[in-house]
Amino acid sequence: MGYETLRRKSKAQLAKHIRTIAKNTASIFLTDHAKKRMHERKVSSEEVFQCLQLGTIDREPEGNPGKGSLECLMERYVAGRQLGIIVALCDEYPDAIVVTIFKVN
């Protein structure tokens, strides 16, 4: 797995890529860690999907060589709070993996 092709995309292009993937919610996979954080922070799956479908990437994406993925922070004001969702992408895998979810201050 790798992320060399994704690494060449701009933040706007990556956000559009994630939004396109998120249109089909079956293509979004939540890690156990993300599910735990959703429960702790009282974030629903609908809020997660809304953030991924309409959010933006303001911070530079970071490569995770150990996992072979590019991690992007999608942000969106949802249900009265600013959410941040770390999404892992890789060139060979067409879906997106939600790594963690948090409230942005």
PDB file of N, CA and C in Angstrom:
ATOM      1  N   MET A   1       0.841  -1.176   0.000  1.00  0.00           N
ATOM      2  CA  MET A   1       0.000   0.000   0.000  1.00  0.00           C
ATOM      3  C   MET A   1       0.884   1.236   0.000  1.00  0.00           C
ATOM      4  N   GLY A   2       0.357   2.308  -0.544  1.00  0.00           N
ATOM      5  CA  GLY A   2       1.105   3.541  -0.603  1.00  0.00           C
ATOM      6  C   GLY A   2       0.203   4.725  -0.862  1.00  0.00           C
ATOM      7  N   TYR A   3       0.821   5.896  -0.952  1.00  0.00           N
ATOM      8  CA  TYR A   3       0.034   7.109  -1.122  1.00  0.00           C
ATOM      9  C   TYR A   3       0.738   8.142  -2.005  1.00  0.00           C
ATOM     10  N   GLU A   4       1.635   7.681  -2.875  1.00  0.00           N
ATOM     11  CA  GLU A   4       2.390   8.611  -3.720  1.00  0.00           C
ATOM     12  C   GLU A   4       1.494   9.406  -4.666  1.00  0.00           C
ATOM     13  N   THR A   5       0.503   8.777  -5.250  1.00  0.00           N
ATOM     14  CA  THR A   5      -0.422   9.487  -6.151  1.00  0.00           C
ATOM     15  C   THR A   5      -1.250  10.496  -5.366  1.00  0.00           C
ATOM     16  N   LEU A   6      -1.775  10.087  -4.220  1.00  0.00           N
ATOM     17  CA  LEU A   6      -2.571  10.988  -3.392  1.00  0.00           C
ATOM     18  C   LEU A   6      -1.743  12.151  -2.862  1.00  0.00           C
ATOM     19  N   ARG A   7      -0.483  11.905  -2.564  1.00  0.00           N
ATOM     20  CA  ARG A   7       0.407  12.931  -2.016  1.00  0.00           C
ATOM     21  C   ARG A   7       0.538  14.123  -2.966  1.00  0.00           C
ATOM     22  N   ARG A   8       0.398  13.885  -4.269  1.00  0.00           N
ATOM     23  CA  ARG A   8       0.548  14.948  -5.268  1.00  0.00           C
ATOM     24  C   ARG A   8      -0.692  15.830  -5.402  1.00  0.00           C
ATOM     25  N   LYS A   9      -1.788  15.446  -4.772  1.00  0.00           N
ATOM     26  CA  LYS A   9      -3.019  16.226  -4.860  1.00  0.00           C
ATOM     27  C   LYS A   9      -2.999  17.382  -3.860  1.00  0.00           C
ATOM     28  N   SER A  10      -3.691  18.453  -4.218  1.00  0.00           N
ATOM     29  CA  SER A  10      -3.822  19.593  -3.314  1.00  0.00           C
ATOM     30  C   SER A  10      -4.817  19.248  -2.202  1.00  0.00           C
ATOM     31  N   LYS A  11      -4.869  20.083  -1.180  1.00  0.00           N
ATOM     32  CA  LYS A  11      -5.833  19.872  -0.102  1.00  0.00           C
ATOM     33  C   LYS A  11      -7.266  19.915  -0.644  1.00  0.00           C
ATOM     34  N   ALA A  12      -7.535  20.834  -1.559  1.00  0.00           N
ATOM     35  CA  ALA A  12      -8.875  20.932  -2.146  1.00  0.00           C
ATOM     36  C   ALA A  12      -9.214  19.673  -2.942  1.00  0.00           C
ATOM     37  N   GLN A  13      -8.250  19.143  -3.679  1.00  0.00           N
ATOM     38  CA  GLN A  13      -8.481  17.920  -4.452  1.00  0.00           C
ATOM     39  C   GLN A  13      -8.710  16.721  -3.532  1.00  0.00           C
ATOM     40  N   LEU A  14      -7.953  16.659  -2.441  1.00  0.00           N
ATOM     41  CA  LEU A  14      -8.140  15.560  -1.485  1.00  0.00           C
ATOM     42  C   LEU A  14      -9.503  15.654  -0.806  1.00  0.00           C
ATOM     43  N   ALA A  15      -9.909  16.869  -0.442  1.00  0.00           N
ATOM     44  CA  ALA A  15     -11.228  17.049   0.176  1.00  0.00           C
ATOM     45  C   ALA A  15     -12.325  16.597  -0.793  1.00  0.00           C
ATOM     46  N   LYS A  16     -12.191  16.965  -2.057  1.00  0.00           N
ATOM     47  CA  LYS A  16     -13.176  16.552  -3.070  1.00  0.00           C
ATOM     48  C   LYS A  16     -13.184  15.026  -3.213  1.00  0.00           C
ATOM     49  N   HIS A  17     -11.999  14.420  -3.176  1.00  0.00           N
ATOM     50  CA  HIS A  17     -11.869  12.962  -3.260  1.00  0.00           C
ATOM     51  C   HIS A  17     -12.602  12.296  -2.089  1.00  0.00           C
ATOM     52  N   ILE A  18     -12.403  12.813  -0.888  1.00  0.00           N
ATOM     53  CA  ILE A  18     -13.053  12.258   0.301  1.00  0.00           C
ATOM     54  C   ILE A  18     -14.563  12.467   0.217  1.00  0.00           C
ATOM     55  N   ARG A  19     -14.991  13.646  -0.209  1.00  0.00           N
ATOM     56  CA  ARG A  19     -16.427  13.917  -0.347  1.00  0.00           C
ATOM     57  C   ARG A  19     -17.075  12.946  -1.335  1.00  0.00           C
ATOM     58  N   THR A  20     -16.381  12.653  -2.417  1.00  0.00           N
ATOM     59  CA  THR A  20     -16.894  11.717  -3.417  1.00  0.00           C
ATOM     60  C   THR A  20     -17.023  10.316  -2.829  1.00  0.00           C
ATOM     61  N   ILE A  21     -15.998   9.875  -2.112  1.00  0.00           N
ATOM     62  CA  ILE A  21     -16.056   8.562  -1.463  1.00  0.00           C
ATOM     63  C   ILE A  21     -17.215   8.512  -0.470  1.00  0.00           C
ATOM     64  N   ALA A  22     -17.381   9.595   0.312  1.00  0.00           N
ATOM     65  CA  ALA A  22     -18.376   9.626   1.392  1.00  0.00           C
ATOM     66  C   ALA A  22     -19.815   9.664   0.886  1.00  0.00           C
ATOM     67  N   LYS A  23     -20.017   9.945  -0.401  1.00  0.00           N
ATOM     68  CA  LYS A  23     -21.381   9.905  -0.938  1.00  0.00           C
ATOM     69  C   LYS A  23     -21.972   8.509  -0.785  1.00  0.00           C
ATOM     70  N   ASN A  24     -21.121   7.497  -0.875  1.00  0.00           N
ATOM     71  CA  ASN A  24     -21.531   6.114  -0.652  1.00  0.00           C
ATOM     72  C   ASN A  24     -21.036   5.726   0.736  1.00  0.00           C
ATOM     73  N   THR A  25     -21.900   5.822   1.736  1.00  0.00           N
ATOM     74  CA  THR A  25     -21.462   5.604   3.116  1.00  0.00           C
ATOM     75  C   THR A  25     -20.905   4.194   3.343  1.00  0.00           C
ATOM     76  N   ALA A  26     -21.222   3.258   2.469  1.00  0.00           N
ATOM     77  CA  ALA A  26     -20.672   1.903   2.586  1.00  0.00           C
ATOM     78  C   ALA A  26     -19.171   1.895   2.298  1.00  0.00           C
ATOM     79  N   SER A  27     -18.655   2.968   1.722  1.00  0.00           N
ATOM     80  CA  SER A  27     -17.226   3.069   1.414  1.00  0.00           C
ATOM     81  C   SER A  27     -16.429   3.726   2.536  1.00  0.00           C
ATOM     82  N   ILE A  28     -17.094   4.043   3.638  1.00  0.00           N
ATOM     83  CA  ILE A  28     -16.445   4.644   4.797  1.00  0.00           C
ATOM     84  C   ILE A  28     -16.358   3.592   5.888  1.00  0.00           C
ATOM     85  N   PHE A  29     -15.149   3.310   6.323  1.00  0.00           N
ATOM     86  CA  PHE A  29     -14.940   2.319   7.371  1.00  0.00           C
ATOM     87  C   PHE A  29     -14.463   3.004   8.637  1.00  0.00           C
ATOM     88  N   LEU A  30     -15.080   2.665   9.752  1.00  0.00           N
ATOM     89  CA  LEU A  30     -14.738   3.233  11.054  1.00  0.00           C
ATOM     90  C   LEU A  30     -13.893   2.236  11.827  1.00  0.00           C
ATOM     91  N   THR A  31     -12.742   2.678  12.292  1.00  0.00           N
ATOM     92  CA  THR A  31     -11.920   1.815  13.135  1.00  0.00           C
ATOM     93  C   THR A  31     -12.602   1.664  14.496  1.00  0.00           C
ATOM     94  N   ASP A  32     -12.193   0.666  15.245  1.00  0.00           N
ATOM     95  CA  ASP A  32     -12.730   0.497  16.594  1.00  0.00           C
ATOM     96  C   ASP A  32     -12.417   1.732  17.434  1.00  0.00           C
ATOM     97  N   HIS A  33     -11.224   2.298  17.241  1.00  0.00           N
ATOM     98  CA  HIS A  33     -10.833   3.505  17.967  1.00  0.00           C
ATOM     99  C   HIS A  33     -11.803   4.649  17.645  1.00  0.00           C
ATOM    100  N   ALA A  34     -12.141   4.835  16.366  1.00  0.00           N
ATOM    101  CA  ALA A  34     -13.065   5.901  15.957  1.00  0.00           C
ATOM    102  C   ALA A  34     -14.450   5.680  16.578  1.00  0.00           C
ATOM    103  N   LYS A  35     -14.909   4.441  16.587  1.00  0.00           N
ATOM    104  CA  LYS A  35     -16.216   4.147  17.186  1.00  0.00           C
ATOM    105  C   LYS A  35     -16.223   4.475  18.672  1.00  0.00           C
ATOM    106  N   LYS A  36     -15.130   4.162  19.342  1.00  0.00           N
ATOM    107  CA  LYS A  36     -15.015   4.459  20.771  1.00  0.00           C
ATOM    108  C   LYS A  36     -15.052   5.963  21.003  1.00  0.00           C
ATOM    109  N   ARG A  37     -14.331   6.722  20.188  1.00  0.00           N
ATOM    110  CA  ARG A  37     -14.306   8.183  20.320  1.00  0.00           C
ATOM    111  C   ARG A  37     -15.678   8.787  20.001  1.00  0.00           C
ATOM    112  N   MET A  38     -16.380   8.216  19.024  1.00  0.00           N
ATOM    113  CA  MET A  38     -17.728   8.688  18.710  1.00  0.00           C
ATOM    114  C   MET A  38     -18.630   8.523  19.931  1.00  0.00           C
ATOM    115  N   HIS A  39     -18.547   7.375  20.564  1.00  0.00           N
ATOM    116  CA  HIS A  39     -19.366   7.108  21.743  1.00  0.00           C
ATOM    117  C   HIS A  39     -19.006   8.077  22.869  1.00  0.00           C
ATOM    118  N   GLU A  40     -17.715   8.252  23.142  1.00  0.00           N
ATOM    119  CA  GLU A  40     -17.259   9.144  24.218  1.00  0.00           C
ATOM    120  C   GLU A  40     -17.681  10.589  23.983  1.00  0.00           C
ATOM    121  N   ARG A  41     -17.651  11.006  22.729  1.00  0.00           N
ATOM    122  CA  ARG A  41     -17.917  12.415  22.386  1.00  0.00           C
ATOM    123  C   ARG A  41     -19.341  12.644  21.895  1.00  0.00           C
ATOM    124  N   LYS A  42     -20.148  11.585  21.961  1.00  0.00           N
ATOM    125  CA  LYS A  42     -21.555  11.657  21.549  1.00  0.00           C
ATOM    126  C   LYS A  42     -21.710  12.219  20.131  1.00  0.00           C
ATOM    127  N   VAL A  43     -20.970  11.600  19.224  1.00  0.00           N
ATOM    128  CA  VAL A  43     -21.021  11.964  17.809  1.00  0.00           C
ATOM    129  C   VAL A  43     -21.698  10.822  17.067  1.00  0.00           C
ATOM    130  N   SER A  44     -22.734  11.142  16.318  1.00  0.00           N
ATOM    131  CA  SER A  44     -23.471  10.107  15.585  1.00  0.00           C
ATOM    132  C   SER A  44     -22.800   9.807  14.246  1.00  0.00           C
ATOM    133  N   SER A  45     -23.147   8.670  13.680  1.00  0.00           N
ATOM    134  CA  SER A  45     -22.606   8.321  12.371  1.00  0.00           C
ATOM    135  C   SER A  45     -23.095   9.314  11.316  1.00  0.00           C
ATOM    136  N   GLU A  46     -24.306   9.850  11.465  1.00  0.00           N
ATOM    137  CA  GLU A  46     -24.808  10.856  10.530  1.00  0.00           C
ATOM    138  C   GLU A  46     -23.938  12.108  10.559  1.00  0.00           C
ATOM    139  N   GLU A  47     -23.493  12.508  11.745  1.00  0.00           N
ATOM    140  CA  GLU A  47     -22.612  13.675  11.871  1.00  0.00           C
ATOM    141  C   GLU A  47     -21.257  13.406  11.223  1.00  0.00           C
ATOM    142  N   VAL A  48     -20.770  12.196  11.370  1.00  0.00           N
ATOM    143  CA  VAL A  48     -19.507  11.811  10.731  1.00  0.00           C
ATOM    144  C   VAL A  48     -19.655  11.898   9.222  1.00  0.00           C
ATOM    145  N   PHE A  49     -20.714  11.324   8.689  1.00  0.00           N
ATOM    146  CA  PHE A  49     -20.916  11.344   7.237  1.00  0.00           C
ATOM    147  C   PHE A  49     -21.100  12.764   6.721  1.00  0.00           C
ATOM    148  N   GLN A  50     -21.808  13.600   7.475  1.00  0.00           N
ATOM    149  CA  GLN A  50     -21.996  14.989   7.056  1.00  0.00           C
ATOM    150  C   GLN A  50     -20.654  15.720   7.011  1.00  0.00           C
ATOM    151  N   CYS A  51     -19.824  15.484   8.009  1.00  0.00           N
ATOM    152  CA  CYS A  51     -18.503  16.110   8.035  1.00  0.00           C
ATOM    153  C   CYS A  51     -17.673  15.656   6.836  1.00  0.00           C
ATOM    154  N   LEU A  52     -17.723  14.392   6.516  1.00  0.00           N
ATOM    155  CA  LEU A  52     -16.946  13.864   5.394  1.00  0.00           C
ATOM    156  C   LEU A  52     -17.515  14.307   4.042  1.00  0.00           C
ATOM    157  N   GLN A  53     -18.813  14.453   3.954  1.00  0.00           N
ATOM    158  CA  GLN A  53     -19.451  14.826   2.690  1.00  0.00           C
ATOM    159  C   GLN A  53     -19.378  16.320   2.397  1.00  0.00           C
ATOM    160  N   LEU A  54     -19.227  17.143   3.447  1.00  0.00           N
ATOM    161  CA  LEU A  54     -19.261  18.592   3.265  1.00  0.00           C
ATOM    162  C   LEU A  54     -18.049  19.326   3.843  1.00  0.00           C
ATOM    163  N   GLY A  55     -17.166  18.603   4.511  1.00  0.00           N
ATOM    164  CA  GLY A  55     -16.046  19.225   5.212  1.00  0.00           C
ATOM    165  C   GLY A  55     -14.929  19.726   4.315  1.00  0.00           C
ATOM    166  N   THR A  56     -13.960  20.348   4.961  1.00  0.00           N
ATOM    167  CA  THR A  56     -12.790  20.884   4.264  1.00  0.00           C
ATOM    168  C   THR A  56     -11.515  20.382   4.938  1.00  0.00           C
ATOM    169  N   ILE A  57     -10.427  20.489   4.199  1.00  0.00           N
ATOM    170  CA  ILE A  57      -9.102  20.172   4.733  1.00  0.00           C
ATOM    171  C   ILE A  57      -8.333  21.478   4.806  1.00  0.00           C
ATOM    172  N   ASP A  58      -8.017  21.918   6.019  1.00  0.00           N
ATOM    173  CA  ASP A  58      -7.267  23.155   6.201  1.00  0.00           C
ATOM    174  C   ASP A  58      -5.798  22.887   6.524  1.00  0.00           C
ATOM    175  N   ARG A  59      -5.532  21.786   7.186  1.00  0.00           N
ATOM    176  CA  ARG A  59      -4.157  21.440   7.577  1.00  0.00           C
ATOM    177  C   ARG A  59      -3.531  20.515   6.543  1.00  0.00           C
ATOM    178  N   GLU A  60      -2.216  20.545   6.458  1.00  0.00           N
ATOM    179  CA  GLU A  60      -1.497  19.693   5.507  1.00  0.00           C
ATOM    180  C   GLU A  60      -1.699  18.222   5.858  1.00  0.00           C
ATOM    181  N   PRO A  61      -2.080  17.404   4.890  1.00  0.00           N
ATOM    182  CA  PRO A  61      -2.176  15.956   5.131  1.00  0.00           C
ATOM    183  C   PRO A  61      -0.798  15.386   5.466  1.00  0.00           C
ATOM    184  N   GLU A  62      -0.786  14.328   6.240  1.00  0.00           N
ATOM    185  CA  GLU A  62       0.467  13.708   6.666  1.00  0.00           C
ATOM    186  C   GLU A  62       0.506  12.250   6.236  1.00  0.00           C
ATOM    187  N   GLY A  63       1.659  11.851   5.740  1.00  0.00           N
ATOM    188  CA  GLY A  63       1.862  10.458   5.397  1.00  0.00           C
ATOM    189  C   GLY A  63       2.096   9.627   6.636  1.00  0.00           C
ATOM    190  N   ASN A  64       1.611   8.403   6.612  1.00  0.00           N
ATOM    191  CA  ASN A  64       1.858   7.449   7.685  1.00  0.00           C
ATOM    192  C   ASN A  64       2.557   6.250   7.052  1.00  0.00           C
ATOM    193  N   PRO A  65       3.902   6.301   6.955  1.00  0.00           N
ATOM    194  CA  PRO A  65       4.637   5.226   6.280  1.00  0.00           C
ATOM    195  C   PRO A  65       4.399   3.848   6.904  1.00  0.00           C
ATOM    196  N   GLY A  66       4.201   3.791   8.207  1.00  0.00           N
ATOM    197  CA  GLY A  66       3.968   2.518   8.877  1.00  0.00           C
ATOM    198  C   GLY A  66       2.694   1.839   8.410  1.00  0.00           C
ATOM    199  N   LYS A  67       1.681   2.631   8.108  1.00  0.00           N
ATOM    200  CA  LYS A  67       0.396   2.102   7.645  1.00  0.00           C
ATOM    201  C   LYS A  67       0.270   2.171   6.127  1.00  0.00           C
ATOM    202  N   GLY A  68       1.166   2.919   5.478  1.00  0.00           N
ATOM    203  CA  GLY A  68       1.101   3.060   4.027  1.00  0.00           C
ATOM    204  C   GLY A  68      -0.069   3.906   3.578  1.00  0.00           C
ATOM    205  N   SER A  69      -0.403   4.927   4.385  1.00  0.00           N
ATOM    206  CA  SER A  69      -1.567   5.748   4.055  1.00  0.00           C
ATOM    207  C   SER A  69      -1.263   7.233   4.214  1.00  0.00           C
ATOM    208  N   LEU A  70      -2.109   8.030   3.607  1.00  0.00           N
ATOM    209  CA  LEU A  70      -2.072   9.474   3.762  1.00  0.00           C
ATOM    210  C   LEU A  70      -3.236   9.832   4.669  1.00  0.00           C
ATOM    211  N   GLU A  71      -2.958  10.589   5.742  1.00  0.00           N
ATOM    212  CA  GLU A  71      -3.994  10.932   6.701  1.00  0.00           C
ATOM    213  C   GLU A  71      -4.379  12.395   6.558  1.00  0.00           C
ATOM    214  N   CYS A  72      -5.666  12.622   6.389  1.00  0.00           N
ATOM    215  CA  CYS A  72      -6.205  13.962   6.171  1.00  0.00           C
ATOM    216  C   CYS A  72      -7.171  14.307   7.303  1.00  0.00           C
ATOM    217  N   LEU A  73      -7.139  15.559   7.732  1.00  0.00           N
ATOM    218  CA  LEU A  73      -8.069  16.036   8.750  1.00  0.00           C
ATOM    219  C   LEU A  73      -9.194  16.795   8.059  1.00  0.00           C
ATOM    220  N   MET A  74     -10.381  16.202   8.048  1.00  0.00           N
ATOM    221  CA  MET A  74     -11.583  16.859   7.526  1.00  0.00           C
ATOM    222  C   MET A  74     -12.258  17.566   8.692  1.00  0.00           C
ATOM    223  N   GLU A  75     -12.636  18.834   8.469  1.00  0.00           N
ATOM    224  CA  GLU A  75     -13.300  19.607   9.509  1.00  0.00           C
ATOM    225  C   GLU A  75     -14.622  20.162   9.004  1.00  0.00           C
ATOM    226  N   ARG A  76     -15.578  20.263   9.946  1.00  0.00           N
ATOM    227  CA  ARG A  76     -16.897  20.798   9.584  1.00  0.00           C
ATOM    228  C   ARG A  76     -17.635  21.145  10.864  1.00  0.00           C
ATOM    229  N   TYR A  77     -18.368  22.244  10.824  1.00  0.00           N
ATOM    230  CA  TYR A  77     -19.245  22.611  11.930  1.00  0.00           C
ATOM    231  C   TYR A  77     -20.533  21.809  11.780  1.00  0.00           C
ATOM    232  N   VAL A  78     -20.785  20.915  12.739  1.00  0.00           N
ATOM    233  CA  VAL A  78     -21.924  20.004  12.666  1.00  0.00           C
ATOM    234  C   VAL A  78     -22.614  19.958  14.026  1.00  0.00           C
ATOM    235  N   ALA A  79     -23.919  20.113  14.040  1.00  0.00           N
ATOM    236  CA  ALA A  79     -24.723  19.960  15.264  1.00  0.00           C
ATOM    237  C   ALA A  79     -24.186  20.818  16.412  1.00  0.00           C
ATOM    238  N   GLY A  80     -23.826  22.053  16.105  1.00  0.00           N
ATOM    239  CA  GLY A  80     -23.408  22.982  17.145  1.00  0.00           C
ATOM    240  C   GLY A  80     -21.977  22.840  17.631  1.00  0.00           C
ATOM    241  N   ARG A  81     -21.150  22.112  16.889  1.00  0.00           N
ATOM    242  CA  ARG A  81     -19.745  21.956  17.297  1.00  0.00           C
ATOM    243  C   ARG A  81     -18.876  21.720  16.071  1.00  0.00           C
ATOM    244  N   GLN A  82     -17.627  22.110  16.188  1.00  0.00           N
ATOM    245  CA  GLN A  82     -16.656  21.899  15.113  1.00  0.00           C
ATOM    246  C   GLN A  82     -16.045  20.511  15.298  1.00  0.00           C
ATOM    247  N   LEU A  83     -16.253  19.642  14.304  1.00  0.00           N
ATOM    248  CA  LEU A  83     -15.703  18.288  14.375  1.00  0.00           C
ATOM    249  C   LEU A  83     -14.463  18.170  13.505  1.00  0.00           C
ATOM    250  N   GLY A  84     -13.554  17.349  13.957  1.00  0.00           N
ATOM    251  CA  GLY A  84     -12.379  16.984  13.181  1.00  0.00           C
ATOM    252  C   GLY A  84     -12.354  15.475  13.026  1.00  0.00           C
ATOM    253  N   ILE A  85     -12.141  15.019  11.805  1.00  0.00           N
ATOM    254  CA  ILE A  85     -12.101  13.588  11.532  1.00  0.00           C
ATOM    255  C   ILE A  85     -10.837  13.282  10.746  1.00  0.00           C
ATOM    256  N   ILE A  86     -10.017  12.393  11.285  1.00  0.00           N
ATOM    257  CA  ILE A  86      -8.821  11.947  10.575  1.00  0.00           C
ATOM    258  C   ILE A  86      -9.224  10.778   9.687  1.00  0.00           C
ATOM    259  N   VAL A  87      -8.969  10.943   8.392  1.00  0.00           N
ATOM    260  CA  VAL A  87      -9.316   9.937   7.391  1.00  0.00           C
ATOM    261  C   VAL A  87      -8.035   9.427   6.739  1.00  0.00           C
ATOM    262  N   ALA A  88      -7.880   8.114   6.676  1.00  0.00           N
ATOM    263  CA  ALA A  88      -6.724   7.495   6.029  1.00  0.00           C
ATOM    264  C   ALA A  88      -7.109   7.057   4.625  1.00  0.00           C
ATOM    265  N   LEU A  89      -6.229   7.399   3.671  1.00  0.00           N
ATOM    266  CA  LEU A  89      -6.420   7.036   2.267  1.00  0.00           C
ATOM    267  C   LEU A  89      -5.162   6.362   1.750  1.00  0.00           C
ATOM    268  N   CYS A  90      -5.320   5.472   0.781  1.00  0.00           N
ATOM    269  CA  CYS A  90      -4.146   4.933   0.104  1.00  0.00           C
ATOM    270  C   CYS A  90      -4.478   4.738  -1.372  1.00  0.00           C
ATOM    271  N   ASP A  91      -3.447   4.720  -2.184  1.00  0.00           N
ATOM    272  CA  ASP A  91      -3.620   4.658  -3.634  1.00  0.00           C
ATOM    273  C   ASP A  91      -4.353   3.401  -4.089  1.00  0.00           C
ATOM    274  N   GLU A  92      -4.066   2.270  -3.476  1.00  0.00           N
ATOM    275  CA  GLU A  92      -4.599   0.987  -3.939  1.00  0.00           C
ATOM    276  C   GLU A  92      -5.980   0.659  -3.384  1.00  0.00           C
ATOM    277  N   TYR A  93      -6.467   1.441  -2.427  1.00  0.00           N
ATOM    278  CA  TYR A  93      -7.701   1.130  -1.726  1.00  0.00           C
ATOM    279  C   TYR A  93      -8.708   2.245  -2.003  1.00  0.00           C
ATOM    280  N   PRO A  94      -9.831   1.958  -2.656  1.00  0.00           N
ATOM    281  CA  PRO A  94     -10.745   3.027  -3.070  1.00  0.00           C
ATOM    282  C   PRO A  94     -11.603   3.613  -1.951  1.00  0.00           C
ATOM    283  N   ASP A  95     -11.606   2.992  -0.783  1.00  0.00           N
ATOM    284  CA  ASP A  95     -12.443   3.452   0.320  1.00  0.00           C
ATOM    285  C   ASP A  95     -11.656   4.357   1.264  1.00  0.00           C
ATOM    286  N   ALA A  96     -12.331   4.879   2.269  1.00  0.00           N
ATOM    287  CA  ALA A  96     -11.699   5.736   3.270  1.00  0.00           C
ATOM    288  C   ALA A  96     -11.872   5.107   4.646  1.00  0.00           C
ATOM    289  N   ILE A  97     -10.853   5.247   5.468  1.00  0.00           N
ATOM    290  CA  ILE A  97     -10.887   4.695   6.817  1.00  0.00           C
ATOM    291  C   ILE A  97     -10.855   5.849   7.809  1.00  0.00           C
ATOM    292  N   VAL A  98     -11.873   5.918   8.676  1.00  0.00           N
ATOM    293  CA  VAL A  98     -11.910   6.932   9.714  1.00  0.00           C
ATOM    294  C   VAL A  98     -11.069   6.425  10.875  1.00  0.00           C
ATOM    295  N   VAL A  99     -10.008   7.168  11.164  1.00  0.00           N
ATOM    296  CA  VAL A  99      -9.063   6.770  12.208  1.00  0.00           C
ATOM    297  C   VAL A  99      -9.514   7.266  13.568  1.00  0.00           C
ATOM    298  N   THR A 100      -9.898   8.541  13.661  1.00  0.00           N
ATOM    299  CA  THR A 100     -10.360   9.099  14.940  1.00  0.00           C
ATOM    300  C   THR A 100     -11.235  10.310  14.680  1.00  0.00           C
ATOM    301  N   ILE A 101     -11.948  10.698  15.738  1.00  0.00           N
ATOM    302  CA  ILE A 101     -12.892  11.809  15.676  1.00  0.00           C
ATOM    303  C   ILE A 101     -12.712  12.640  16.939  1.00  0.00           C
ATOM    304  N   PHE A 102     -12.712  13.965  16.787  1.00  0.00           N
ATOM    305  CA  PHE A 102     -12.582  14.827  17.950  1.00  0.00           C
ATOM    306  C   PHE A 102     -13.263  16.164  17.705  1.00  0.00           C
ATOM    307  N   LYS A 103     -13.459  16.894  18.792  1.00  0.00           N
ATOM    308  CA  LYS A 103     -13.990  18.251  18.703  1.00  0.00           C
ATOM    309  C   LYS A 103     -12.812  19.201  18.536  1.00  0.00           C
ATOM    310  N   VAL A 104     -12.911  20.110  17.585  1.00  0.00           N
ATOM    311  CA  VAL A 104     -11.861  21.089  17.336  1.00  0.00           C
ATOM    312  C   VAL A 104     -12.193  22.335  18.136  1.00  0.00           C
ATOM    313  N   ASN A 105     -11.201  22.858  18.820  1.00  0.00           N
ATOM    314  CA  ASN A 105     -11.421  24.084  19.608  1.00  0.00           C
ATOM    315  C   ASN A 105     -11.151  25.315  18.791  1.00  0.00           C
TER     316      ASN A 105
END
